[in-house]
Each structure stands twice: as C-alpha cells, then as structure tokens.
C-alpha cells in the first residue's frame, strides 16, 4: 500500500521504518512545523508528578532540574520512550489515548499526594488539566512548544502523489487536518484523495476533511496505526 504520513519527521521515523519493512510505500508529507516556546523558570520540586501528551513536550523541556524519579504520565509509548531516554525511570504510558491517560492518573496517583504539572503544546485537543481539576487534583499547565502550518508541498512529493494514488493518509490533529484541507485545495488534489482512505485521530479531526468523500474513514490512537491498516480493504 501507498501510505502518507503527515507528522513531523522525527515523530514519524519509527513508524515509517516499520511500514517500509512491511513492504509498504511511504510518503512523508509534513503538515506542521514544531517550534519551542520559552518559559520562565519552573520550580519542579513543587510537583510530585508530571504529565506529557507529546514527545515534543519532553524534547523542549529543560529537564536537568527535574528529579528523575518523579511520577511521569505519558499519553503513549513513543512519549514514554522519550521520557525514559531523558532519564525519567518512573514513566508509564496510557497507550495513546488522552481519556485513558486521565483514568490512569486517577487510578494510580492519589490527588492528596501533591501537585501535578502538565507540559503541553500551545494547542491541545482536550483540556486534560481541567478534567483532572474537576476530580479534585491540583494541576498547573505550562506550554513549551507550538506549531505552525507548512503551506507548500515539495514538487517531487507532489508529482509522486499525483502519479501514485495514496491508499491511506494518516492525520494526527485538527490543526494538521485544517492545513491538509488548504493544501488539497491549493494543489487541486481532490480527485486524487477521493480514491484514498483517511485515518484520523478523532472525529473532530475528520470533520475538517468531510468536503472529500473518502473511500473509508478510520479512527485510531497513536501507536495503533499498523493494527488499523488491516481494516483497509
């Protein structure tokens, strides 16, 4: 199958390697650039746990003053791996789902134990900190990265997509979907995409792209991409 991956390259390499080993053809079509946001100094010793919903939050965090034994809650396996690469040995994963992450925190972290710090993007799909506060948790949120749209497709990539209809396009966020919509219109790719399947991280994300009548729309959690490929006919 010809599969288009739309995440930034450093978040896509592991999946791309795996798909290539499975004899799929992979095209990398990044839709957003990730940029660091500077923060004021944070006293990490005020917190008993830290929450990451993206590996980027760890990448752009100055971790040298954070106790490496801190409880570290990660949304998925890739984020957990990044946390452990940075020395956090008390990291656990929720398997790629934010709702499951919330439940994991509630189940394993006593709200009376201390404050939690949520490190996130400027743009989030779910207010995890607000949901935990409703359950009685003390949570602070800081943002240490943001994203900006990529407004063009490289000519060699565009030519390849037009000549080789993608079987699957994988989209990871609503913001990415908005940019994909703009690029599809800009480069007149609607007739190509109607022959493709769409894999989206949520219904909210897929709704942005409903102007195209896709062959099939499938919803997934990060880390489950290969499993859901089997549902594509």
Protein backbone atom coordinates (compact mmCIF):
# COMPACT_ATOMS: atom_id res chain seq x y z
CA UNK A 1 0.00 0.00 0.00
CA UNK A 2 0.99 3.62 -0.51
CA UNK A 3 0.70 5.39 2.85
CA UNK A 4 1.09 9.11 3.53
CA UNK A 5 2.43 10.05 6.98
CA UNK A 6 1.77 13.68 7.95
CA UNK A 7 3.62 14.07 11.25
CA UNK A 8 6.94 15.92 11.56
CA UNK A 9 9.80 13.64 10.51
CA UNK A 10 11.24 12.96 13.98
CA UNK A 11 7.83 11.74 15.16
CA UNK A 12 7.40 9.58 12.06
CA UNK A 13 10.72 7.76 11.63
CA UNK A 14 9.88 4.69 13.73
CA UNK A 15 6.52 4.13 12.01
CA UNK A 16 7.99 4.79 8.55
CA UNK A 17 10.74 2.22 9.13
CA UNK A 18 8.21 -0.33 10.31
CA UNK A 19 5.92 0.25 7.32
CA UNK A 20 8.83 0.02 4.89
CA UNK A 21 9.87 -3.28 6.44
CA UNK A 22 6.32 -4.49 5.85
CA UNK A 23 6.79 -3.62 2.14
CA UNK A 24 4.53 -0.59 2.16
CA UNK A 25 5.43 2.54 0.20
CA UNK A 26 5.60 5.55 2.49
CA UNK A 27 5.42 9.22 1.53
CA UNK A 28 6.26 11.81 4.17
CA UNK A 29 4.01 14.87 3.86
CA UNK A 30 4.56 17.04 6.95
CA UNK A 31 1.73 19.47 7.65
CA UNK A 32 3.11 21.44 10.61
CA UNK A 33 6.41 22.73 11.96
CA UNK A 34 7.05 22.42 15.69
CA UNK A 35 8.64 25.40 17.47
CA UNK A 36 9.85 25.84 21.04
CA UNK A 37 8.19 28.33 23.41
CA UNK A 38 10.41 29.77 26.13
CA UNK A 39 9.13 29.55 29.69
CA UNK A 40 10.00 31.27 32.93
CA UNK A 41 11.91 29.13 35.39
CA UNK A 42 9.70 26.47 36.94
CA UNK A 43 10.41 25.03 40.37
CA UNK A 44 9.89 21.38 39.54
CA UNK A 45 10.42 20.38 43.16
CA UNK A 46 6.92 21.77 43.81
CA UNK A 47 5.46 18.86 41.87
CA UNK A 48 5.03 15.17 42.60
CA UNK A 49 4.06 14.21 39.06
CA UNK A 50 4.47 15.44 35.51
CA UNK A 51 2.18 14.82 32.52
CA UNK A 52 3.22 14.66 28.87
CA UNK A 53 0.79 14.28 25.95
CA UNK A 54 3.56 14.54 23.35
CA UNK A 55 7.21 13.65 23.00
CA UNK A 56 7.74 17.24 21.84
CA UNK A 57 6.88 18.47 25.34
CA UNK A 58 9.84 16.48 26.65
CA UNK A 59 12.14 17.46 23.80
CA UNK A 60 11.70 21.18 24.50
CA UNK A 61 11.83 20.91 28.30
CA UNK A 62 14.92 21.76 30.32
CA UNK A 63 14.99 18.55 32.34
CA UNK A 64 18.24 18.94 34.27
CA UNK A 65 16.48 20.31 37.39
CA UNK A 66 13.65 17.77 37.38
CA UNK A 67 14.00 14.83 39.79
CA UNK A 68 14.28 11.75 37.57
CA UNK A 69 12.22 9.68 40.00
CA UNK A 70 9.17 11.92 39.57
CA UNK A 71 5.93 10.18 38.58
CA UNK A 72 5.79 10.67 34.82
CA UNK A 73 2.48 10.09 33.00
CA UNK A 74 2.74 9.76 29.21
CA UNK A 75 -0.04 9.56 26.65
CA UNK A 76 1.59 6.85 24.52
CA UNK A 77 4.51 4.53 24.01
CA UNK A 78 6.60 6.95 21.94
CA UNK A 79 6.23 9.63 24.61
CA UNK A 80 7.10 7.15 27.35
CA UNK A 81 10.21 6.09 25.42
CA UNK A 82 11.27 9.73 25.03
CA UNK A 83 10.76 10.29 28.77
CA UNK A 84 12.92 7.29 29.62
CA UNK A 85 15.56 8.42 27.12
CA UNK A 86 15.71 11.67 29.13
CA UNK A 87 16.23 9.71 32.35
CA UNK A 88 12.69 9.55 33.78
CA UNK A 89 12.62 5.98 35.05
CA UNK A 90 9.19 6.30 36.72
CA UNK A 91 7.34 6.78 33.41
CA UNK A 92 4.19 4.93 32.39
CA UNK A 93 2.06 5.09 29.26
CA UNK A 94 -1.69 5.21 28.63
CA UNK A 95 -1.43 3.58 25.21
CA UNK A 96 -2.03 6.71 23.15
CA UNK A 97 -5.39 7.89 24.44
CA UNK A 98 -5.86 11.09 26.48
CA UNK A 99 -9.05 9.84 28.16
CA UNK A 100 -7.23 6.67 29.21
CA UNK A 101 -4.37 8.85 30.46
CA UNK A 102 -6.77 10.76 32.70
CA UNK A 103 -8.14 7.49 34.07
CA UNK A 104 -4.61 6.17 34.59
CA UNK A 105 -3.69 9.22 36.67
CA UNK A 106 -6.87 8.94 38.74
CA UNK A 107 -6.26 5.24 39.32
CA UNK A 108 -2.55 5.40 40.21
CA UNK A 109 -1.91 8.87 41.66
CA UNK A 110 -3.58 9.96 44.91
CA UNK A 111 -4.87 13.52 44.50
CA UNK A 112 -3.67 14.29 48.04
CA UNK A 113 -0.10 13.25 47.25
CA UNK A 114 0.81 16.61 45.69
CA UNK A 115 0.62 18.89 42.66
CA UNK A 116 0.85 17.75 39.05
CA UNK A 117 2.49 19.65 36.21
CA UNK A 118 1.06 19.30 32.71
CA UNK A 119 3.57 20.23 29.97
CA UNK A 120 1.88 20.68 26.62
CA UNK A 121 1.59 22.35 23.25
CA UNK A 122 0.01 25.77 22.89
CA UNK A 123 -2.80 23.95 21.09
CA UNK A 124 -4.45 20.93 22.71
CA UNK A 125 -7.42 18.81 21.69
CA UNK A 126 -8.58 18.14 25.27
CA UNK A 127 -8.16 20.19 28.46
CA UNK A 128 -6.66 17.38 30.48
CA UNK A 129 -5.74 19.69 33.35
CA UNK A 130 -9.32 20.96 33.62
CA UNK A 131 -10.69 17.41 33.65
CA UNK A 132 -8.32 16.46 36.49
CA UNK A 133 -9.17 19.60 38.46
CA UNK A 134 -12.84 18.58 38.32
CA UNK A 135 -11.76 15.38 40.07
CA UNK A 136 -10.06 17.34 42.85
CA UNK A 137 -6.48 17.30 41.57
CA UNK A 138 -4.10 20.26 41.80
CA UNK A 139 -2.69 20.75 38.31
CA UNK A 140 -0.62 23.51 36.70
CA UNK A 141 -0.13 23.72 32.96
CA UNK A 142 2.81 25.20 31.06
CA UNK A 143 3.20 25.32 27.27
CA UNK A 144 6.68 24.84 25.85
CA UNK A 145 6.05 24.37 22.14
CA UNK A 146 3.68 25.41 19.38
CA UNK A 147 3.02 24.52 15.76
CA UNK A 148 2.73 26.44 12.52
CA UNK A 149 1.34 25.25 9.18
CA UNK A 150 3.53 24.19 6.27
CA UNK A 151 1.98 25.93 3.28
CA UNK A 152 3.56 24.10 0.39
CA UNK A 153 4.30 20.61 -0.90
CA UNK A 154 7.70 19.82 -2.36
CA UNK A 155 7.44 19.37 -6.13
CA UNK A 156 8.86 15.82 -6.17
CA UNK A 157 6.42 14.79 -3.43
CA UNK A 158 3.50 16.40 -5.25
CA UNK A 159 4.39 14.68 -8.52
CA UNK A 160 4.68 11.30 -6.80
CA UNK A 161 1.30 11.65 -5.06
CA UNK A 162 -0.41 12.60 -8.32
CA UNK A 163 1.09 9.61 -10.13
CA UNK A 164 0.67 7.13 -7.26
CA UNK A 165 -2.69 7.48 -5.55
CA UNK A 166 -2.27 7.02 -1.78
CA UNK A 167 -4.20 4.14 -0.26
CA UNK A 168 -4.12 5.73 3.19
CA UNK A 169 -3.49 9.21 4.60
CA UNK A 170 -2.84 9.39 8.35
CA UNK A 171 -3.71 12.67 10.12
CA UNK A 172 -2.84 13.30 13.77
CA UNK A 173 -4.52 16.55 14.79
CA UNK A 174 -7.26 19.00 13.92
CA UNK A 175 -4.67 21.65 13.10
CA UNK A 176 -2.95 19.27 10.69
CA UNK A 177 -6.31 18.48 9.11
CA UNK A 178 -7.02 22.17 8.55
CA UNK A 179 -3.69 22.58 6.78
CA UNK A 180 -4.20 19.42 4.74
CA UNK A 181 -7.54 20.80 3.58
CA UNK A 182 -5.83 24.01 2.43
CA UNK A 183 -3.09 22.08 0.60
CA UNK A 184 -5.56 19.77 -1.12
CA UNK A 185 -7.42 22.78 -2.47
CA UNK A 186 -4.26 24.73 -3.32
CA UNK A 187 -2.79 21.88 -5.37
CA UNK A 188 -6.11 20.57 -6.81
CA UNK A 189 -5.75 17.14 -5.18
CA UNK A 190 -9.43 16.39 -4.54
CA UNK A 191 -9.66 13.94 -7.46
CA UNK A 192 -6.65 12.07 -6.06
CA UNK A 193 -7.88 11.97 -2.48
CA UNK A 194 -11.36 10.61 -3.25
CA UNK A 195 -9.62 7.37 -4.13
CA UNK A 196 -7.90 7.24 -0.73
CA UNK A 197 -8.76 6.12 2.80
CA UNK A 198 -8.41 8.52 5.73
CA UNK A 199 -7.08 7.55 9.16
CA UNK A 200 -7.77 10.23 11.80
CA UNK A 201 -7.03 10.61 15.46
CA UNK A 202 -10.61 11.79 16.20
CA UNK A 203 -13.99 12.57 14.69
CA UNK A 204 -13.30 16.26 15.31
CA UNK A 205 -10.23 15.95 13.11
CA UNK A 206 -12.02 14.07 10.34
CA UNK A 207 -14.86 16.59 10.28
CA UNK A 208 -12.46 19.19 8.85
CA UNK A 209 -11.92 16.93 5.84
CA UNK A 210 -15.52 15.95 5.18
CA UNK A 211 -15.56 18.02 1.99
CA UNK A 212 -13.94 14.94 0.41
CA UNK A 213 -15.86 11.70 0.03
CA UNK A 214 -13.16 9.32 1.24
CA UNK A 215 -13.33 5.61 0.50
CA UNK A 216 -13.29 4.93 4.23
CA UNK A 217 -12.56 6.87 7.43
CA UNK A 218 -10.93 5.03 10.34
CA UNK A 219 -10.21 6.41 13.81
CA UNK A 220 -7.12 5.35 15.74
CA UNK A 221 -4.86 6.14 18.68
CA UNK A 222 -1.15 6.87 18.07
CA UNK A 223 0.74 3.60 18.20
CA UNK A 224 -2.14 1.66 16.65
CA UNK A 225 -1.53 2.69 13.03
CA UNK A 226 -0.30 -0.68 11.81
CA UNK A 227 -3.09 -2.54 13.55
CA UNK A 228 -5.75 -0.44 11.79
CA UNK A 229 -4.11 -0.88 8.39
CA UNK A 230 -5.65 -4.32 8.41
CA UNK A 231 -9.09 -2.71 8.30
CA UNK A 232 -8.34 -1.08 4.97
CA UNK A 233 -9.58 -3.10 2.01
